[in-house]
N, C-alpha and C. Protein backbone atom coordinates (compact mmCIF):
# COMPACT_ATOMS: atom_id res chain seq x y z
N UNK A 1 -38.48 10.96 197.23
CA UNK A 1 -38.76 9.67 196.62
C UNK A 1 -38.17 8.53 197.45
N UNK A 2 -36.89 8.69 197.87
CA UNK A 2 -36.26 7.64 198.66
C UNK A 2 -36.99 7.46 199.99
N UNK A 3 -37.40 8.57 200.58
CA UNK A 3 -38.10 8.52 201.87
C UNK A 3 -39.44 7.80 201.70
N UNK A 4 -40.15 8.09 200.60
CA UNK A 4 -41.43 7.43 200.32
C UNK A 4 -41.23 5.94 200.16
N UNK A 5 -40.19 5.57 199.42
CA UNK A 5 -39.89 4.16 199.22
C UNK A 5 -39.55 3.48 200.54
N UNK A 6 -38.76 4.15 201.37
CA UNK A 6 -38.41 3.59 202.68
C UNK A 6 -39.65 3.39 203.54
N UNK A 7 -40.55 4.36 203.54
CA UNK A 7 -41.78 4.23 204.33
C UNK A 7 -42.67 3.12 203.79
N UNK A 8 -42.73 2.97 202.47
CA UNK A 8 -43.51 1.89 201.87
C UNK A 8 -42.94 0.54 202.28
N UNK A 9 -41.62 0.40 202.25
CA UNK A 9 -40.98 -0.85 202.66
C UNK A 9 -41.29 -1.14 204.12
N UNK A 10 -41.23 -0.11 204.96
CA UNK A 10 -41.55 -0.28 206.37
C UNK A 10 -42.98 -0.75 206.56
N UNK A 11 -43.92 -0.14 205.83
CA UNK A 11 -45.33 -0.51 205.95
C UNK A 11 -45.56 -1.96 205.53
N UNK A 12 -44.94 -2.37 204.43
CA UNK A 12 -45.08 -3.74 203.95
C UNK A 12 -44.49 -4.71 204.96
N UNK A 13 -43.35 -4.35 205.54
CA UNK A 13 -42.71 -5.22 206.54
C UNK A 13 -43.61 -5.40 207.74
N UNK A 14 -44.17 -4.32 208.24
CA UNK A 14 -45.06 -4.41 209.40
C UNK A 14 -46.30 -5.24 209.06
N UNK A 15 -46.83 -5.06 207.86
CA UNK A 15 -47.98 -5.84 207.43
C UNK A 15 -47.64 -7.33 207.43
N UNK A 16 -46.47 -7.66 206.87
CA UNK A 16 -46.06 -9.07 206.81
C UNK A 16 -45.88 -9.66 208.21
N UNK A 17 -45.32 -8.86 209.12
CA UNK A 17 -45.14 -9.33 210.49
C UNK A 17 -46.49 -9.59 211.14
N UNK A 18 -47.42 -8.65 210.96
CA UNK A 18 -48.72 -8.80 211.59
C UNK A 18 -49.53 -9.95 210.98
N UNK A 19 -49.24 -10.29 209.73
CA UNK A 19 -49.94 -11.40 209.09
C UNK A 19 -49.32 -12.74 209.43
N UNK A 20 -48.21 -12.72 210.14
CA UNK A 20 -47.56 -13.95 210.54
C UNK A 20 -46.81 -14.62 209.40
N UNK A 21 -46.25 -13.84 208.49
CA UNK A 21 -45.51 -14.40 207.36
C UNK A 21 -44.43 -15.36 207.86
N UNK A 22 -43.69 -14.94 208.86
CA UNK A 22 -42.71 -15.79 209.51
C UNK A 22 -42.72 -15.42 210.98
N UNK A 23 -42.43 -16.38 211.79
CA UNK A 23 -42.37 -16.10 213.22
C UNK A 23 -40.93 -16.17 213.68
N UNK A 24 -40.57 -15.20 214.52
CA UNK A 24 -39.21 -15.13 215.03
C UNK A 24 -39.23 -15.06 216.55
N UNK A 25 -38.17 -15.54 217.15
CA UNK A 25 -38.00 -15.43 218.60
C UNK A 25 -37.84 -13.95 218.95
N UNK A 26 -38.19 -13.61 220.16
CA UNK A 26 -37.96 -12.24 220.62
C UNK A 26 -37.14 -12.21 221.90
N UNK A 27 -36.51 -13.34 222.22
CA UNK A 27 -35.75 -13.43 223.46
C UNK A 27 -34.27 -13.74 223.24
N UNK A 28 -33.77 -13.51 222.04
CA UNK A 28 -32.37 -13.78 221.73
C UNK A 28 -31.56 -12.50 221.98
N UNK A 29 -30.47 -12.62 222.70
CA UNK A 29 -29.62 -11.46 222.96
C UNK A 29 -29.02 -10.96 221.64
N UNK A 30 -28.99 -9.65 221.49
CA UNK A 30 -28.43 -9.04 220.28
C UNK A 30 -26.98 -9.49 220.07
N UNK A 31 -26.22 -9.59 221.14
CA UNK A 31 -24.83 -10.05 221.03
C UNK A 31 -24.77 -11.44 220.40
N UNK A 32 -25.72 -12.31 220.74
CA UNK A 32 -25.76 -13.66 220.17
C UNK A 32 -26.04 -13.62 218.66
N UNK A 33 -26.91 -12.70 218.24
CA UNK A 33 -27.20 -12.56 216.81
C UNK A 33 -25.93 -12.08 216.09
N UNK A 34 -25.27 -11.09 216.67
CA UNK A 34 -24.02 -10.57 216.07
C UNK A 34 -22.94 -11.65 216.02
N UNK A 35 -22.83 -12.42 217.10
CA UNK A 35 -21.85 -13.51 217.12
C UNK A 35 -22.15 -14.55 216.03
N UNK A 36 -23.44 -14.82 215.81
CA UNK A 36 -23.83 -15.78 214.77
C UNK A 36 -23.34 -15.31 213.40
N UNK A 37 -23.45 -14.00 213.15
CA UNK A 37 -22.98 -13.46 211.87
C UNK A 37 -21.47 -13.55 211.78
N UNK A 38 -20.76 -13.08 212.79
CA UNK A 38 -19.28 -13.07 212.71
C UNK A 38 -18.70 -14.48 212.72
N UNK A 39 -19.42 -15.44 213.30
CA UNK A 39 -18.94 -16.82 213.28
C UNK A 39 -19.23 -17.52 211.95
N UNK A 40 -20.24 -17.02 211.22
CA UNK A 40 -20.63 -17.65 209.95
C UNK A 40 -19.97 -17.02 208.74
N UNK A 41 -19.62 -15.76 208.85
CA UNK A 41 -19.03 -15.03 207.73
C UNK A 41 -17.55 -14.81 208.02
N UNK A 42 -16.73 -15.15 207.09
CA UNK A 42 -15.29 -14.97 207.25
C UNK A 42 -14.89 -13.63 206.64
N UNK A 43 -15.07 -12.57 207.44
CA UNK A 43 -14.71 -11.24 206.98
C UNK A 43 -13.20 -11.13 206.79
N UNK A 44 -12.78 -10.24 205.90
CA UNK A 44 -11.35 -10.08 205.62
C UNK A 44 -10.58 -9.60 206.83
N UNK A 45 -11.24 -8.80 207.66
CA UNK A 45 -10.60 -8.27 208.87
C UNK A 45 -11.47 -8.58 210.06
N UNK A 46 -10.86 -8.53 211.24
CA UNK A 46 -11.60 -8.79 212.47
C UNK A 46 -12.61 -7.68 212.74
N UNK A 47 -13.77 -8.07 213.24
CA UNK A 47 -14.83 -7.12 213.56
C UNK A 47 -14.60 -6.52 214.95
N UNK A 48 -14.94 -5.24 215.07
CA UNK A 48 -14.93 -4.54 216.36
C UNK A 48 -16.36 -4.12 216.66
N UNK A 49 -16.63 -3.84 217.91
CA UNK A 49 -17.96 -3.36 218.32
C UNK A 49 -17.91 -1.85 218.46
N UNK A 50 -18.89 -1.18 217.85
CA UNK A 50 -18.95 0.29 217.89
C UNK A 50 -19.34 0.77 219.28
N UNK A 51 -18.80 1.91 219.65
CA UNK A 51 -19.13 2.54 220.92
C UNK A 51 -20.55 3.09 220.90
N UNK A 52 -21.13 3.25 222.07
CA UNK A 52 -22.49 3.79 222.19
C UNK A 52 -22.60 5.17 221.55
N UNK A 53 -21.55 5.97 221.66
CA UNK A 53 -21.57 7.32 221.08
C UNK A 53 -21.74 7.28 219.56
N UNK A 54 -21.23 6.24 218.91
CA UNK A 54 -21.38 6.10 217.46
C UNK A 54 -22.86 5.98 217.09
N UNK A 55 -23.59 5.19 217.86
CA UNK A 55 -25.02 4.98 217.59
C UNK A 55 -25.79 6.28 217.80
N UNK A 56 -25.49 6.97 218.87
CA UNK A 56 -26.25 8.18 219.19
C UNK A 56 -25.91 9.35 218.29
N UNK A 57 -24.64 9.51 217.93
CA UNK A 57 -24.24 10.71 217.20
C UNK A 57 -24.09 10.49 215.70
N UNK A 58 -23.63 9.33 215.28
CA UNK A 58 -23.46 9.08 213.85
C UNK A 58 -24.75 8.56 213.24
N UNK A 59 -25.37 7.58 213.87
CA UNK A 59 -26.64 7.08 213.36
C UNK A 59 -27.78 8.02 213.71
N UNK A 60 -27.59 8.85 214.71
CA UNK A 60 -28.64 9.76 215.20
C UNK A 60 -29.90 8.96 215.54
N UNK A 61 -29.68 7.85 216.21
CA UNK A 61 -30.75 6.92 216.54
C UNK A 61 -31.26 7.18 217.94
N UNK A 62 -32.55 7.34 218.06
CA UNK A 62 -33.19 7.51 219.36
C UNK A 62 -33.30 6.13 220.00
N UNK A 63 -32.49 5.90 221.01
CA UNK A 63 -32.44 4.57 221.61
C UNK A 63 -33.57 4.32 222.60
N UNK A 64 -34.46 5.29 222.78
CA UNK A 64 -35.60 5.10 223.70
C UNK A 64 -36.51 3.97 223.23
N UNK A 65 -36.56 3.73 221.92
CA UNK A 65 -37.43 2.69 221.36
C UNK A 65 -36.73 1.34 221.21
N UNK A 66 -35.48 1.27 221.65
CA UNK A 66 -34.66 0.08 221.43
C UNK A 66 -34.25 -0.51 222.78
N UNK A 67 -34.46 -1.81 222.94
CA UNK A 67 -34.09 -2.43 224.21
C UNK A 67 -32.60 -2.79 224.25
N UNK A 68 -32.05 -3.17 223.09
CA UNK A 68 -30.61 -3.43 223.01
C UNK A 68 -30.17 -3.37 221.56
N UNK A 69 -28.88 -3.11 221.38
CA UNK A 69 -28.35 -2.99 220.02
C UNK A 69 -26.85 -3.22 220.04
N UNK A 70 -26.33 -3.53 218.86
CA UNK A 70 -24.89 -3.66 218.69
C UNK A 70 -24.56 -3.44 217.23
N UNK A 71 -23.46 -2.73 217.00
CA UNK A 71 -22.95 -2.52 215.65
C UNK A 71 -21.54 -3.08 215.61
N UNK A 72 -21.26 -3.81 214.55
CA UNK A 72 -19.90 -4.33 214.36
C UNK A 72 -19.38 -3.84 213.02
N UNK A 73 -18.09 -3.58 212.99
CA UNK A 73 -17.46 -3.04 211.78
C UNK A 73 -16.02 -3.52 211.70
N UNK A 74 -15.47 -3.48 210.50
CA UNK A 74 -14.08 -3.90 210.32
C UNK A 74 -13.11 -2.74 210.43
N UNK A 75 -13.52 -1.55 210.00
CA UNK A 75 -12.66 -0.37 210.11
C UNK A 75 -11.52 -0.38 209.11
N UNK A 76 -10.68 0.61 209.24
CA UNK A 76 -9.56 0.75 208.32
C UNK A 76 -10.06 1.07 206.93
N UNK A 77 -9.51 0.41 205.93
CA UNK A 77 -9.91 0.66 204.55
C UNK A 77 -11.00 -0.29 204.09
N UNK A 78 -11.55 -1.06 205.01
CA UNK A 78 -12.59 -2.02 204.70
C UNK A 78 -13.88 -1.53 205.36
N UNK A 79 -14.96 -1.39 204.58
CA UNK A 79 -16.19 -0.81 205.10
C UNK A 79 -17.26 -1.83 205.49
N UNK A 80 -16.89 -3.08 205.76
CA UNK A 80 -17.89 -4.04 206.21
C UNK A 80 -18.44 -3.60 207.57
N UNK A 81 -19.76 -3.56 207.66
CA UNK A 81 -20.42 -3.11 208.89
C UNK A 81 -21.83 -3.68 208.94
N UNK A 82 -22.28 -4.05 210.13
CA UNK A 82 -23.67 -4.45 210.29
C UNK A 82 -24.12 -4.06 211.69
N UNK A 83 -25.43 -3.91 211.83
CA UNK A 83 -25.99 -3.57 213.13
C UNK A 83 -27.26 -4.35 213.39
N UNK A 84 -27.48 -4.69 214.64
CA UNK A 84 -28.67 -5.41 215.07
C UNK A 84 -29.32 -4.59 216.18
N UNK A 85 -30.61 -4.29 216.01
CA UNK A 85 -31.35 -3.47 216.95
C UNK A 85 -32.62 -4.21 217.35
N UNK A 86 -32.82 -4.41 218.64
CA UNK A 86 -34.05 -5.05 219.12
C UNK A 86 -34.96 -3.95 219.63
N UNK A 87 -36.12 -3.81 218.99
CA UNK A 87 -37.07 -2.77 219.38
C UNK A 87 -37.89 -3.22 220.59
N UNK A 88 -38.38 -2.24 221.34
CA UNK A 88 -39.14 -2.56 222.56
C UNK A 88 -40.51 -3.13 222.25
N UNK A 89 -41.17 -2.61 221.22
CA UNK A 89 -42.44 -3.21 220.78
C UNK A 89 -42.66 -2.93 219.31
N UNK A 90 -43.60 -3.65 218.72
CA UNK A 90 -43.78 -3.62 217.27
C UNK A 90 -44.14 -2.24 216.73
N UNK A 91 -44.68 -1.37 217.56
CA UNK A 91 -45.03 -0.03 217.09
C UNK A 91 -43.79 0.82 216.80
N UNK A 92 -42.63 0.38 217.24
CA UNK A 92 -41.38 1.11 217.03
C UNK A 92 -40.60 0.66 215.80
N UNK A 93 -41.01 -0.41 215.17
CA UNK A 93 -40.25 -0.99 214.08
C UNK A 93 -40.06 0.00 212.93
N UNK A 94 -41.12 0.62 212.48
CA UNK A 94 -41.03 1.53 211.33
C UNK A 94 -40.12 2.71 211.62
N UNK A 95 -40.17 3.25 212.84
CA UNK A 95 -39.30 4.38 213.20
C UNK A 95 -37.83 3.98 213.16
N UNK A 96 -37.53 2.82 213.71
CA UNK A 96 -36.14 2.35 213.74
C UNK A 96 -35.66 2.05 212.31
N UNK A 97 -36.50 1.41 211.51
CA UNK A 97 -36.14 1.14 210.11
C UNK A 97 -35.85 2.44 209.37
N UNK A 98 -36.67 3.43 209.58
CA UNK A 98 -36.52 4.72 208.91
C UNK A 98 -35.22 5.41 209.32
N UNK A 99 -34.91 5.39 210.61
CA UNK A 99 -33.66 6.02 211.08
C UNK A 99 -32.44 5.31 210.51
N UNK A 100 -32.49 3.99 210.43
CA UNK A 100 -31.37 3.24 209.88
C UNK A 100 -31.25 3.50 208.38
N UNK A 101 -32.37 3.55 207.68
CA UNK A 101 -32.36 3.86 206.25
C UNK A 101 -31.75 5.24 206.00
N UNK A 102 -32.10 6.21 206.84
CA UNK A 102 -31.53 7.55 206.71
C UNK A 102 -30.02 7.52 206.89
N UNK A 103 -29.55 6.75 207.87
CA UNK A 103 -28.10 6.61 208.09
C UNK A 103 -27.42 6.02 206.86
N UNK A 104 -28.00 4.95 206.31
CA UNK A 104 -27.39 4.31 205.15
C UNK A 104 -27.40 5.23 203.93
N UNK A 105 -28.47 6.00 203.76
CA UNK A 105 -28.52 6.97 202.66
C UNK A 105 -27.45 8.04 202.82
N UNK A 106 -27.22 8.48 204.06
CA UNK A 106 -26.18 9.50 204.28
C UNK A 106 -24.80 8.94 204.00
N UNK A 107 -24.58 7.68 204.35
CA UNK A 107 -23.28 7.03 204.04
C UNK A 107 -23.10 6.91 202.54
N UNK A 108 -24.16 6.52 201.83
CA UNK A 108 -24.07 6.36 200.37
C UNK A 108 -23.86 7.71 199.69
N UNK A 109 -24.36 8.78 200.29
CA UNK A 109 -24.22 10.11 199.71
C UNK A 109 -22.92 10.80 200.06
N UNK A 110 -22.12 10.18 200.91
CA UNK A 110 -20.85 10.78 201.33
C UNK A 110 -19.75 10.41 200.35
N UNK A 111 -19.71 11.14 199.24
CA UNK A 111 -18.74 10.81 198.19
C UNK A 111 -17.31 11.03 198.62
N UNK A 112 -17.08 11.92 199.57
CA UNK A 112 -15.72 12.15 200.06
C UNK A 112 -15.22 10.89 200.76
N UNK A 113 -16.03 10.35 201.68
CA UNK A 113 -15.64 9.13 202.39
C UNK A 113 -15.42 7.98 201.40
N UNK A 114 -16.34 7.82 200.47
CA UNK A 114 -16.23 6.71 199.53
C UNK A 114 -15.02 6.84 198.62
N UNK A 115 -14.60 8.06 198.33
CA UNK A 115 -13.43 8.25 197.46
C UNK A 115 -12.14 7.77 198.12
N UNK A 116 -12.13 7.70 199.45
CA UNK A 116 -10.94 7.21 200.16
C UNK A 116 -10.86 5.69 200.18
N UNK A 117 -11.94 5.03 199.82
CA UNK A 117 -12.01 3.58 199.91
C UNK A 117 -12.42 2.97 198.57
N UNK A 118 -11.53 3.00 197.58
CA UNK A 118 -11.89 2.45 196.27
C UNK A 118 -12.29 0.97 196.38
N UNK A 119 -13.33 0.61 195.66
CA UNK A 119 -13.79 -0.77 195.67
C UNK A 119 -14.78 -1.09 196.78
N UNK A 120 -14.95 -0.17 197.72
CA UNK A 120 -15.84 -0.40 198.85
C UNK A 120 -17.22 0.23 198.65
N UNK A 121 -17.39 0.99 197.58
CA UNK A 121 -18.63 1.74 197.36
C UNK A 121 -19.86 0.83 197.32
N UNK A 122 -19.73 -0.33 196.69
CA UNK A 122 -20.91 -1.20 196.54
C UNK A 122 -21.43 -1.71 197.88
N UNK A 123 -20.55 -1.83 198.86
CA UNK A 123 -21.02 -2.25 200.19
C UNK A 123 -22.01 -1.23 200.75
N UNK A 124 -21.70 0.04 200.50
CA UNK A 124 -22.54 1.11 201.03
C UNK A 124 -23.80 1.27 200.17
N UNK A 125 -23.63 1.30 198.88
CA UNK A 125 -24.78 1.53 198.00
C UNK A 125 -25.74 0.34 197.96
N UNK A 126 -25.26 -0.86 198.26
CA UNK A 126 -26.11 -2.05 198.26
C UNK A 126 -26.54 -2.47 199.67
N UNK A 127 -26.32 -1.61 200.65
CA UNK A 127 -26.68 -1.94 202.03
C UNK A 127 -28.18 -2.22 202.13
N UNK A 128 -28.53 -3.12 203.05
CA UNK A 128 -29.93 -3.53 203.21
C UNK A 128 -30.37 -3.38 204.66
N UNK A 129 -31.65 -3.04 204.81
CA UNK A 129 -32.28 -3.04 206.13
C UNK A 129 -33.28 -4.19 206.11
N UNK A 130 -33.16 -5.07 207.09
CA UNK A 130 -34.01 -6.26 207.17
C UNK A 130 -34.68 -6.31 208.54
N UNK A 131 -35.84 -6.93 208.59
CA UNK A 131 -36.55 -7.04 209.86
C UNK A 131 -36.90 -8.50 210.12
N UNK A 132 -36.61 -8.92 211.34
CA UNK A 132 -36.90 -10.28 211.79
C UNK A 132 -37.68 -10.15 213.10
N UNK A 133 -38.98 -10.01 213.00
CA UNK A 133 -39.80 -9.80 214.20
C UNK A 133 -39.43 -8.48 214.85
N UNK A 134 -38.96 -8.53 216.08
CA UNK A 134 -38.59 -7.33 216.83
C UNK A 134 -37.15 -6.87 216.56
N UNK A 135 -36.46 -7.54 215.67
CA UNK A 135 -35.06 -7.21 215.38
C UNK A 135 -34.97 -6.52 214.02
N UNK A 136 -34.37 -5.34 214.02
CA UNK A 136 -34.11 -4.61 212.78
C UNK A 136 -32.61 -4.67 212.57
N UNK A 137 -32.21 -5.09 211.38
CA UNK A 137 -30.81 -5.35 211.07
C UNK A 137 -30.43 -4.57 209.82
N UNK A 138 -29.22 -4.03 209.80
CA UNK A 138 -28.70 -3.52 208.54
C UNK A 138 -27.41 -4.24 208.22
N UNK A 139 -27.23 -4.51 206.95
CA UNK A 139 -26.04 -5.19 206.45
C UNK A 139 -25.38 -4.31 205.41
N UNK A 140 -24.21 -3.80 205.74
CA UNK A 140 -23.40 -3.04 204.80
C UNK A 140 -22.13 -3.87 204.62
N UNK A 141 -22.28 -4.92 203.82
CA UNK A 141 -21.21 -5.89 203.64
C UNK A 141 -21.06 -6.22 202.16
N UNK A 142 -19.97 -6.87 201.83
CA UNK A 142 -19.75 -7.31 200.45
C UNK A 142 -20.86 -8.26 200.03
N UNK A 143 -21.22 -8.19 198.77
CA UNK A 143 -22.28 -9.07 198.26
C UNK A 143 -21.98 -10.53 198.53
N UNK A 144 -20.70 -10.91 198.52
CA UNK A 144 -20.30 -12.29 198.78
C UNK A 144 -20.66 -12.74 200.19
N UNK A 145 -20.75 -11.79 201.13
CA UNK A 145 -21.03 -12.11 202.54
C UNK A 145 -22.51 -12.03 202.88
N UNK A 146 -23.28 -11.31 202.06
CA UNK A 146 -24.66 -10.98 202.41
C UNK A 146 -25.53 -12.21 202.69
N UNK A 147 -25.53 -13.19 201.80
CA UNK A 147 -26.43 -14.34 202.00
C UNK A 147 -26.02 -15.15 203.22
N UNK A 148 -24.73 -15.29 203.48
CA UNK A 148 -24.28 -16.02 204.67
C UNK A 148 -24.70 -15.28 205.94
N UNK A 149 -24.62 -13.95 205.91
CA UNK A 149 -25.04 -13.16 207.07
C UNK A 149 -26.54 -13.29 207.29
N UNK A 150 -27.31 -13.17 206.22
CA UNK A 150 -28.77 -13.30 206.33
C UNK A 150 -29.15 -14.68 206.84
N UNK A 151 -28.51 -15.72 206.33
CA UNK A 151 -28.80 -17.09 206.78
C UNK A 151 -28.46 -17.27 208.25
N UNK A 152 -27.35 -16.68 208.70
CA UNK A 152 -26.96 -16.79 210.11
C UNK A 152 -28.00 -16.13 211.01
N UNK A 153 -28.48 -14.97 210.61
CA UNK A 153 -29.48 -14.25 211.40
C UNK A 153 -30.79 -15.03 211.41
N UNK A 154 -31.20 -15.48 210.24
CA UNK A 154 -32.44 -16.27 210.13
C UNK A 154 -32.38 -17.50 211.02
N UNK A 155 -31.28 -18.23 210.98
CA UNK A 155 -31.13 -19.44 211.80
C UNK A 155 -31.16 -19.14 213.30
N UNK A 156 -30.57 -18.02 213.65
CA UNK A 156 -30.48 -17.63 215.06
C UNK A 156 -31.85 -17.20 215.61
N UNK A 157 -32.69 -16.59 214.77
CA UNK A 157 -33.92 -16.00 215.26
C UNK A 157 -35.20 -16.76 214.95
N UNK A 158 -35.15 -17.68 213.99
CA UNK A 158 -36.41 -18.35 213.63
C UNK A 158 -36.87 -19.26 214.76
N UNK A 159 -38.20 -19.36 214.86
CA UNK A 159 -38.79 -20.22 215.91
C UNK A 159 -38.73 -21.66 215.49
């Protein structure tokens, strides 16, 4: 059921992109998008950048379809995390969205990890995957930070 819902969301997103619902730049460096978020949102702890091995082994993301990416996280007992992935072409969007959705579902299903971080569960269970043209983004952040993060990304990427 979750997989069907994720695929339906991906299909609707691609349809909206192809219909020109909103137009986004495709030449913004992923680091600049991440910087826009960290400069706009005052996270409780400083953000770090995840190593390439995290993307390949934890997210299990096939980077062949991605031209650049970056994941930032707070670490420790705080589970704030977000990632920005720029796909090589629009035919790869649904695959990248699906892989990220699978990662977020696995994090939400990891009750052992969540039991070590009381109060952080909602960040994981309310995580969102968003698409801005060729950029696929996930936000696993506190609800208080979500709209500021989305606004920062939108401002950075809109034409």
